[in-house]
Amino acid sequence: MEYNKQTLDTPDLIALLKQRGLVITNEQEALKTLSVISYFRLACYFRPMEADKQTHKFREGSTLEQVMALYEFDTALRDMVFCAIRQIEVALRTRINHHFSRNHTPFWFSQVDFKALLTKYPTVDTAAMGFPRGWQQEPLWH
């Protein structure tokens, strides 16, 4: 499938959105917004406001402000979710590390998994990763 659409400058994108029925009350603000957030980044936020998914015509009364409110809500929600995921990850890693360190050795993570991983991927250049020559003979890895 060949892509035949031409790239549009920001003023032309605004004209296209207006032609499709999106209400844009402040074109200067729209120019600034579309200069830092691409049309394609916002495309999924336009979709719920489309009356026709083929022609991308908007439902009557749909505004750029509504699109941006949805985008900002989604950004805030994503930040909250990733913050929670980070906390869960740290707590889980802490529990795993504590368990294996107390029941095996404090260096359990380096002795088993890393060597196995390098064996699985022998073309990985450990020198490029910053490992010194002969690192495998260091006491940490035994």
N, C-alpha and C. Protein backbone atom coordinates (compact mmCIF):
# COMPACT_ATOMS: atom_id res chain seq x y z
N MET A 1 0.85 -1.18 0.00
CA MET A 1 0.00 0.00 0.00
C MET A 1 0.89 1.23 0.00
N GLU A 2 0.64 2.11 -0.91
CA GLU A 2 1.43 3.33 -1.01
C GLU A 2 0.72 4.49 -0.30
N TYR A 3 1.49 5.21 0.47
CA TYR A 3 0.96 6.36 1.20
C TYR A 3 1.08 7.58 0.29
N ASN A 4 -0.04 8.24 -0.01
CA ASN A 4 0.00 9.33 -0.99
C ASN A 4 -0.45 10.67 -0.42
N LYS A 5 -0.62 10.77 0.90
CA LYS A 5 -1.01 12.06 1.48
C LYS A 5 0.21 12.95 1.64
N GLN A 6 0.01 14.22 1.41
CA GLN A 6 1.09 15.19 1.54
C GLN A 6 1.18 15.69 2.98
N THR A 7 2.38 16.05 3.39
CA THR A 7 2.58 16.64 4.70
C THR A 7 1.97 18.03 4.71
N LEU A 8 1.25 18.33 5.79
CA LEU A 8 0.62 19.64 5.92
C LEU A 8 1.34 20.46 6.98
N ASP A 9 1.50 21.74 6.70
CA ASP A 9 2.03 22.65 7.70
C ASP A 9 0.94 22.87 8.76
N THR A 10 1.35 23.38 9.92
CA THR A 10 0.42 23.56 11.03
C THR A 10 -0.80 24.41 10.65
N PRO A 11 -0.66 25.55 9.96
CA PRO A 11 -1.86 26.31 9.58
C PRO A 11 -2.80 25.50 8.68
N ASP A 12 -2.22 24.66 7.81
CA ASP A 12 -3.05 23.83 6.94
C ASP A 12 -3.76 22.73 7.73
N LEU A 13 -3.10 22.21 8.76
CA LEU A 13 -3.75 21.21 9.63
C LEU A 13 -4.95 21.83 10.35
N ILE A 14 -4.75 23.05 10.83
CA ILE A 14 -5.84 23.75 11.51
C ILE A 14 -7.01 23.95 10.56
N ALA A 15 -6.71 24.37 9.33
CA ALA A 15 -7.77 24.55 8.33
C ALA A 15 -8.48 23.23 8.05
N LEU A 16 -7.73 22.14 7.97
CA LEU A 16 -8.34 20.82 7.72
C LEU A 16 -9.25 20.41 8.87
N LEU A 17 -8.79 20.61 10.10
CA LEU A 17 -9.61 20.27 11.27
C LEU A 17 -10.90 21.09 11.29
N LYS A 18 -10.78 22.37 10.98
CA LYS A 18 -11.97 23.23 10.94
C LYS A 18 -12.91 22.79 9.82
N GLN A 19 -12.34 22.43 8.68
CA GLN A 19 -13.15 21.97 7.55
C GLN A 19 -13.92 20.69 7.93
N ARG A 20 -13.33 19.88 8.77
CA ARG A 20 -13.97 18.65 9.22
C ARG A 20 -14.96 18.90 10.35
N GLY A 21 -15.05 20.16 10.81
CA GLY A 21 -16.07 20.51 11.79
C GLY A 21 -15.58 20.71 13.21
N LEU A 22 -14.27 20.66 13.44
CA LEU A 22 -13.75 20.89 14.78
C LEU A 22 -13.77 22.40 15.05
N VAL A 23 -14.34 22.79 16.17
CA VAL A 23 -14.40 24.21 16.53
C VAL A 23 -13.07 24.60 17.16
N ILE A 24 -12.42 25.57 16.56
CA ILE A 24 -11.16 26.10 17.07
C ILE A 24 -11.36 27.59 17.27
N THR A 25 -11.49 27.99 18.52
CA THR A 25 -11.81 29.39 18.83
C THR A 25 -10.57 30.29 18.86
N ASN A 26 -9.42 29.72 19.18
CA ASN A 26 -8.20 30.51 19.26
C ASN A 26 -7.14 29.87 18.38
N GLU A 27 -7.00 30.40 17.17
CA GLU A 27 -6.08 29.80 16.21
C GLU A 27 -4.62 29.95 16.63
N GLN A 28 -4.29 31.05 17.30
CA GLN A 28 -2.92 31.23 17.76
C GLN A 28 -2.55 30.16 18.79
N GLU A 29 -3.47 29.88 19.69
CA GLU A 29 -3.25 28.83 20.69
C GLU A 29 -3.17 27.47 20.01
N ALA A 30 -4.01 27.26 19.00
CA ALA A 30 -3.97 26.00 18.25
C ALA A 30 -2.63 25.84 17.53
N LEU A 31 -2.11 26.92 16.98
CA LEU A 31 -0.80 26.89 16.32
C LEU A 31 0.29 26.48 17.32
N LYS A 32 0.25 27.09 18.51
CA LYS A 32 1.25 26.76 19.53
C LYS A 32 1.12 25.29 19.95
N THR A 33 -0.11 24.86 20.16
CA THR A 33 -0.34 23.48 20.60
C THR A 33 0.15 22.48 19.57
N LEU A 34 -0.25 22.68 18.32
CA LEU A 34 0.14 21.74 17.26
C LEU A 34 1.61 21.87 16.86
N SER A 35 2.28 22.87 17.38
CA SER A 35 3.72 23.00 17.15
C SER A 35 4.52 22.15 18.13
N VAL A 36 3.91 21.81 19.27
CA VAL A 36 4.63 21.01 20.27
C VAL A 36 4.03 19.62 20.48
N ILE A 37 2.78 19.43 20.06
CA ILE A 37 2.14 18.12 20.13
C ILE A 37 1.67 17.80 18.71
N SER A 38 2.22 16.78 18.12
CA SER A 38 1.92 16.51 16.72
C SER A 38 0.46 16.11 16.50
N TYR A 39 0.00 16.36 15.30
CA TYR A 39 -1.34 15.96 14.88
C TYR A 39 -1.55 14.47 15.13
N PHE A 40 -0.54 13.66 14.79
CA PHE A 40 -0.69 12.22 14.92
C PHE A 40 -0.69 11.78 16.38
N ARG A 41 -0.05 12.53 17.25
CA ARG A 41 -0.13 12.24 18.69
C ARG A 41 -1.56 12.50 19.18
N LEU A 42 -2.20 13.52 18.65
CA LEU A 42 -3.55 13.88 19.08
C LEU A 42 -4.65 13.10 18.35
N ALA A 43 -4.28 12.39 17.30
CA ALA A 43 -5.28 11.72 16.46
C ALA A 43 -6.20 10.80 17.26
N CYS A 44 -5.66 10.06 18.22
CA CYS A 44 -6.52 9.15 18.99
C CYS A 44 -7.46 9.92 19.92
N TYR A 45 -7.17 11.18 20.19
CA TYR A 45 -8.05 12.00 21.02
C TYR A 45 -9.15 12.67 20.18
N PHE A 46 -8.91 12.75 18.87
CA PHE A 46 -9.94 13.25 17.96
C PHE A 46 -11.04 12.20 17.75
N ARG A 47 -10.65 10.93 17.72
CA ARG A 47 -11.55 9.83 17.34
C ARG A 47 -12.89 9.82 18.09
N PRO A 48 -12.91 9.97 19.42
CA PRO A 48 -14.21 9.91 20.10
C PRO A 48 -15.17 11.03 19.68
N MET A 49 -14.65 12.07 19.06
CA MET A 49 -15.48 13.20 18.67
C MET A 49 -15.88 13.16 17.20
N GLU A 50 -15.44 12.13 16.50
CA GLU A 50 -15.77 12.02 15.09
C GLU A 50 -17.17 11.43 14.90
N ALA A 51 -17.92 12.04 14.03
CA ALA A 51 -19.24 11.52 13.66
C ALA A 51 -19.09 10.45 12.59
N ASP A 52 -18.08 10.60 11.74
CA ASP A 52 -17.85 9.68 10.63
C ASP A 52 -16.36 9.28 10.66
N LYS A 53 -16.12 8.00 10.91
CA LYS A 53 -14.74 7.50 11.05
C LYS A 53 -14.01 7.41 9.71
N GLN A 54 -14.75 7.40 8.60
CA GLN A 54 -14.12 7.33 7.28
C GLN A 54 -13.65 8.70 6.81
N THR A 55 -14.54 9.70 6.95
CA THR A 55 -14.21 11.05 6.48
C THR A 55 -13.58 11.89 7.57
N HIS A 56 -13.63 11.38 8.80
CA HIS A 56 -13.09 12.09 9.98
C HIS A 56 -13.82 13.40 10.27
N LYS A 57 -15.09 13.46 9.86
CA LYS A 57 -15.92 14.63 10.19
C LYS A 57 -16.27 14.57 11.66
N PHE A 58 -16.22 15.72 12.31
CA PHE A 58 -16.48 15.78 13.75
C PHE A 58 -17.97 15.94 14.04
N ARG A 59 -18.37 15.45 15.22
CA ARG A 59 -19.73 15.69 15.69
C ARG A 59 -19.89 17.18 15.94
N GLU A 60 -21.07 17.68 15.75
CA GLU A 60 -21.35 19.10 15.95
C GLU A 60 -21.00 19.50 17.38
N GLY A 61 -20.32 20.63 17.51
CA GLY A 61 -19.96 21.16 18.82
C GLY A 61 -18.64 20.65 19.37
N SER A 62 -17.96 19.77 18.64
CA SER A 62 -16.66 19.26 19.10
C SER A 62 -15.63 20.38 19.00
N THR A 63 -14.83 20.52 20.06
CA THR A 63 -13.86 21.62 20.11
C THR A 63 -12.45 21.10 20.36
N LEU A 64 -11.49 21.92 19.95
CA LEU A 64 -10.10 21.60 20.23
C LEU A 64 -9.86 21.61 21.74
N GLU A 65 -10.57 22.45 22.46
CA GLU A 65 -10.44 22.49 23.92
C GLU A 65 -10.84 21.15 24.53
N GLN A 66 -11.88 20.50 23.98
CA GLN A 66 -12.29 19.19 24.47
C GLN A 66 -11.21 18.14 24.17
N VAL A 67 -10.64 18.24 22.98
CA VAL A 67 -9.56 17.32 22.60
C VAL A 67 -8.40 17.47 23.58
N MET A 68 -8.02 18.71 23.86
CA MET A 68 -6.88 18.96 24.74
C MET A 68 -7.19 18.55 26.18
N ALA A 69 -8.43 18.72 26.62
CA ALA A 69 -8.81 18.29 27.96
C ALA A 69 -8.67 16.77 28.08
N LEU A 70 -9.09 16.05 27.04
CA LEU A 70 -8.96 14.60 27.03
C LEU A 70 -7.49 14.19 27.03
N TYR A 71 -6.69 14.88 26.23
CA TYR A 71 -5.25 14.62 26.16
C TYR A 71 -4.59 14.86 27.52
N GLU A 72 -4.92 15.97 28.16
CA GLU A 72 -4.32 16.31 29.45
C GLU A 72 -4.78 15.32 30.54
N PHE A 73 -6.05 14.91 30.50
CA PHE A 73 -6.54 13.91 31.43
C PHE A 73 -5.77 12.61 31.25
N ASP A 74 -5.61 12.18 30.01
CA ASP A 74 -4.91 10.93 29.72
C ASP A 74 -3.45 11.01 30.19
N THR A 75 -2.82 12.15 29.98
CA THR A 75 -1.43 12.34 30.43
C THR A 75 -1.34 12.23 31.95
N ALA A 76 -2.25 12.88 32.66
CA ALA A 76 -2.25 12.83 34.13
C ALA A 76 -2.54 11.40 34.62
N LEU A 77 -3.48 10.71 33.98
CA LEU A 77 -3.79 9.34 34.35
C LEU A 77 -2.59 8.43 34.12
N ARG A 78 -1.94 8.59 32.97
CA ARG A 78 -0.76 7.78 32.66
C ARG A 78 0.35 8.02 33.69
N ASP A 79 0.54 9.29 34.08
CA ASP A 79 1.54 9.61 35.10
C ASP A 79 1.21 8.91 36.42
N MET A 80 -0.06 8.91 36.80
CA MET A 80 -0.47 8.24 38.05
C MET A 80 -0.22 6.74 37.98
N VAL A 81 -0.58 6.14 36.85
CA VAL A 81 -0.41 4.69 36.69
C VAL A 81 1.07 4.33 36.73
N PHE A 82 1.91 5.07 36.00
CA PHE A 82 3.33 4.75 35.98
C PHE A 82 3.99 5.00 37.33
N CYS A 83 3.52 5.98 38.07
CA CYS A 83 4.02 6.21 39.42
C CYS A 83 3.71 5.00 40.29
N ALA A 84 2.50 4.50 40.20
CA ALA A 84 2.12 3.31 40.97
C ALA A 84 2.92 2.09 40.53
N ILE A 85 3.12 1.93 39.23
CA ILE A 85 3.90 0.80 38.71
C ILE A 85 5.34 0.88 39.24
N ARG A 86 5.92 2.08 39.25
CA ARG A 86 7.28 2.24 39.78
C ARG A 86 7.35 1.80 41.24
N GLN A 87 6.37 2.20 42.03
CA GLN A 87 6.36 1.83 43.45
C GLN A 87 6.20 0.33 43.63
N ILE A 88 5.33 -0.28 42.84
CA ILE A 88 5.14 -1.73 42.90
C ILE A 88 6.42 -2.44 42.50
N GLU A 89 7.06 -1.96 41.43
CA GLU A 89 8.30 -2.58 40.97
C GLU A 89 9.38 -2.52 42.04
N VAL A 90 9.57 -1.36 42.66
CA VAL A 90 10.59 -1.22 43.70
C VAL A 90 10.29 -2.15 44.87
N ALA A 91 9.03 -2.19 45.30
CA ALA A 91 8.66 -3.05 46.43
C ALA A 91 8.88 -4.53 46.08
N LEU A 92 8.49 -4.93 44.89
CA LEU A 92 8.66 -6.32 44.48
C LEU A 92 10.13 -6.68 44.36
N ARG A 93 10.92 -5.83 43.74
CA ARG A 93 12.35 -6.08 43.61
C ARG A 93 13.01 -6.16 44.98
N THR A 94 12.57 -5.31 45.92
CA THR A 94 13.12 -5.33 47.27
C THR A 94 12.83 -6.66 47.94
N ARG A 95 11.58 -7.15 47.82
CA ARG A 95 11.22 -8.43 48.45
C ARG A 95 11.97 -9.60 47.82
N ILE A 96 12.08 -9.59 46.51
CA ILE A 96 12.81 -10.66 45.82
C ILE A 96 14.28 -10.65 46.25
N ASN A 97 14.89 -9.47 46.23
CA ASN A 97 16.29 -9.35 46.61
C ASN A 97 16.50 -9.80 48.06
N HIS A 98 15.63 -9.37 48.96
CA HIS A 98 15.75 -9.74 50.36
C HIS A 98 15.65 -11.26 50.53
N HIS A 99 14.66 -11.86 49.89
CA HIS A 99 14.47 -13.31 50.00
C HIS A 99 15.70 -14.07 49.52
N PHE A 100 16.15 -13.78 48.31
CA PHE A 100 17.27 -14.54 47.75
C PHE A 100 18.59 -14.22 48.44
N SER A 101 18.75 -12.99 48.90
CA SER A 101 19.98 -12.64 49.61
C SER A 101 20.07 -13.38 50.94
N ARG A 102 18.96 -13.50 51.64
CA ARG A 102 18.96 -14.19 52.94
C ARG A 102 19.02 -15.71 52.77
N ASN A 103 18.42 -16.25 51.72
CA ASN A 103 18.34 -17.70 51.57
C ASN A 103 19.42 -18.29 50.66
N HIS A 104 20.16 -17.45 49.96
CA HIS A 104 21.20 -17.96 49.06
C HIS A 104 22.49 -17.20 49.30
N THR A 105 22.68 -16.13 48.58
CA THR A 105 23.89 -15.30 48.71
C THR A 105 23.53 -13.88 48.33
N PRO A 106 24.19 -12.89 48.92
CA PRO A 106 23.88 -11.50 48.57
C PRO A 106 24.10 -11.16 47.10
N PHE A 107 24.90 -11.98 46.41
CA PHE A 107 25.19 -11.70 45.00
C PHE A 107 24.48 -12.67 44.07
N TRP A 108 23.34 -13.20 44.52
CA TRP A 108 22.59 -14.18 43.75
C TRP A 108 22.27 -13.71 42.34
N PHE A 109 21.94 -12.42 42.20
CA PHE A 109 21.51 -11.88 40.91
C PHE A 109 22.63 -11.88 39.88
N SER A 110 23.86 -11.71 40.34
CA SER A 110 24.98 -11.62 39.39
C SER A 110 25.55 -12.99 39.06
N GLN A 111 25.40 -13.92 39.96
CA GLN A 111 26.06 -15.21 39.76
C GLN A 111 25.29 -16.14 38.84
N VAL A 112 24.01 -16.02 38.80
CA VAL A 112 23.23 -16.96 38.02
C VAL A 112 22.72 -16.33 36.73
N ASP A 113 21.90 -15.33 36.86
CA ASP A 113 21.17 -14.80 35.72
C ASP A 113 22.06 -14.13 34.68
N PHE A 114 23.02 -13.33 35.11
CA PHE A 114 23.81 -12.57 34.14
C PHE A 114 24.67 -13.48 33.29
N LYS A 115 25.33 -14.45 33.90
CA LYS A 115 26.15 -15.37 33.12
C LYS A 115 25.29 -16.19 32.15
N ALA A 116 24.12 -16.61 32.61
CA ALA A 116 23.21 -17.37 31.74
C ALA A 116 22.75 -16.52 30.58
N LEU A 117 22.49 -15.25 30.86
CA LEU A 117 22.05 -14.34 29.81
C LEU A 117 23.15 -14.15 28.76
N LEU A 118 24.39 -13.99 29.21
CA LEU A 118 25.50 -13.84 28.28
C LEU A 118 25.74 -15.12 27.48
N THR A 119 25.49 -16.25 28.10
CA THR A 119 25.63 -17.52 27.38
C THR A 119 24.58 -17.62 26.28
N LYS A 120 23.39 -17.13 26.58
CA LYS A 120 22.30 -17.17 25.60
C LYS A 120 22.56 -16.21 24.44
N TYR A 121 23.26 -15.11 24.71
CA TYR A 121 23.56 -14.10 23.69
C TYR A 121 25.07 -13.90 23.59
N PRO A 122 25.78 -14.84 22.97
CA PRO A 122 27.24 -14.79 22.96
C PRO A 122 27.84 -13.64 22.15
N THR A 123 27.07 -13.00 21.31
CA THR A 123 27.62 -11.92 20.49
C THR A 123 27.59 -10.57 21.20
N VAL A 124 27.05 -10.52 22.42
CA VAL A 124 27.02 -9.27 23.18
C VAL A 124 28.46 -8.91 23.57
N ASP A 125 28.83 -7.68 23.29
CA ASP A 125 30.18 -7.20 23.57
C ASP A 125 30.24 -6.63 24.99
N THR A 126 30.71 -7.44 25.93
CA THR A 126 30.77 -6.98 27.32
C THR A 126 31.77 -5.84 27.50
N ALA A 127 32.81 -5.79 26.69
CA ALA A 127 33.77 -4.69 26.77
C ALA A 127 33.08 -3.37 26.41
N ALA A 128 32.19 -3.41 25.43
CA ALA A 128 31.46 -2.20 25.04
C ALA A 128 30.50 -1.77 26.13
N MET A 129 30.09 -2.72 26.99
CA MET A 129 29.22 -2.40 28.11
C MET A 129 30.00 -1.86 29.30
N GLY A 130 31.34 -1.86 29.20
CA GLY A 130 32.16 -1.32 30.28
C GLY A 130 32.77 -2.35 31.20
N PHE A 131 32.61 -3.65 30.88
CA PHE A 131 33.21 -4.68 31.71
C PHE A 131 34.70 -4.78 31.38
N PRO A 132 35.57 -4.82 32.40
CA PRO A 132 37.00 -4.94 32.14
C PRO A 132 37.36 -6.36 31.69
N ARG A 133 38.49 -6.48 31.05
CA ARG A 133 38.98 -7.79 30.62
C ARG A 133 39.14 -8.68 31.86
N GLY A 134 38.70 -9.92 31.77
CA GLY A 134 38.83 -10.88 32.87
C GLY A 134 37.81 -10.69 33.98
N TRP A 135 36.74 -9.99 33.71
CA TRP A 135 35.74 -9.72 34.75
C TRP A 135 35.15 -11.01 35.33
N GLN A 136 35.09 -12.07 34.52
CA GLN A 136 34.48 -13.33 34.98
C GLN A 136 35.28 -13.96 36.14
N GLN A 137 36.57 -13.62 36.25
CA GLN A 137 37.40 -14.19 37.31
C GLN A 137 37.30 -13.43 38.63
N GLU A 138 36.63 -12.30 38.63
CA GLU A 138 36.47 -11.53 39.86
C GLU A 138 35.63 -12.33 40.86
N PRO A 139 35.93 -12.20 42.18
CA PRO A 139 35.19 -12.96 43.20
C PRO A 139 33.67 -12.75 43.17
N LEU A 140 33.23 -11.59 42.75
CA LEU A 140 31.81 -11.31 42.68
C LEU A 140 31.04 -12.32 41.85
N TRP A 141 31.68 -12.85 40.81
CA TRP A 141 31.01 -13.72 39.86
C TRP A 141 31.17 -15.20 40.20
N HIS A 142 31.79 -15.52 41.33
CA HIS A 142 31.98 -16.93 41.72
C HIS A 142 31.10 -17.29 42.87
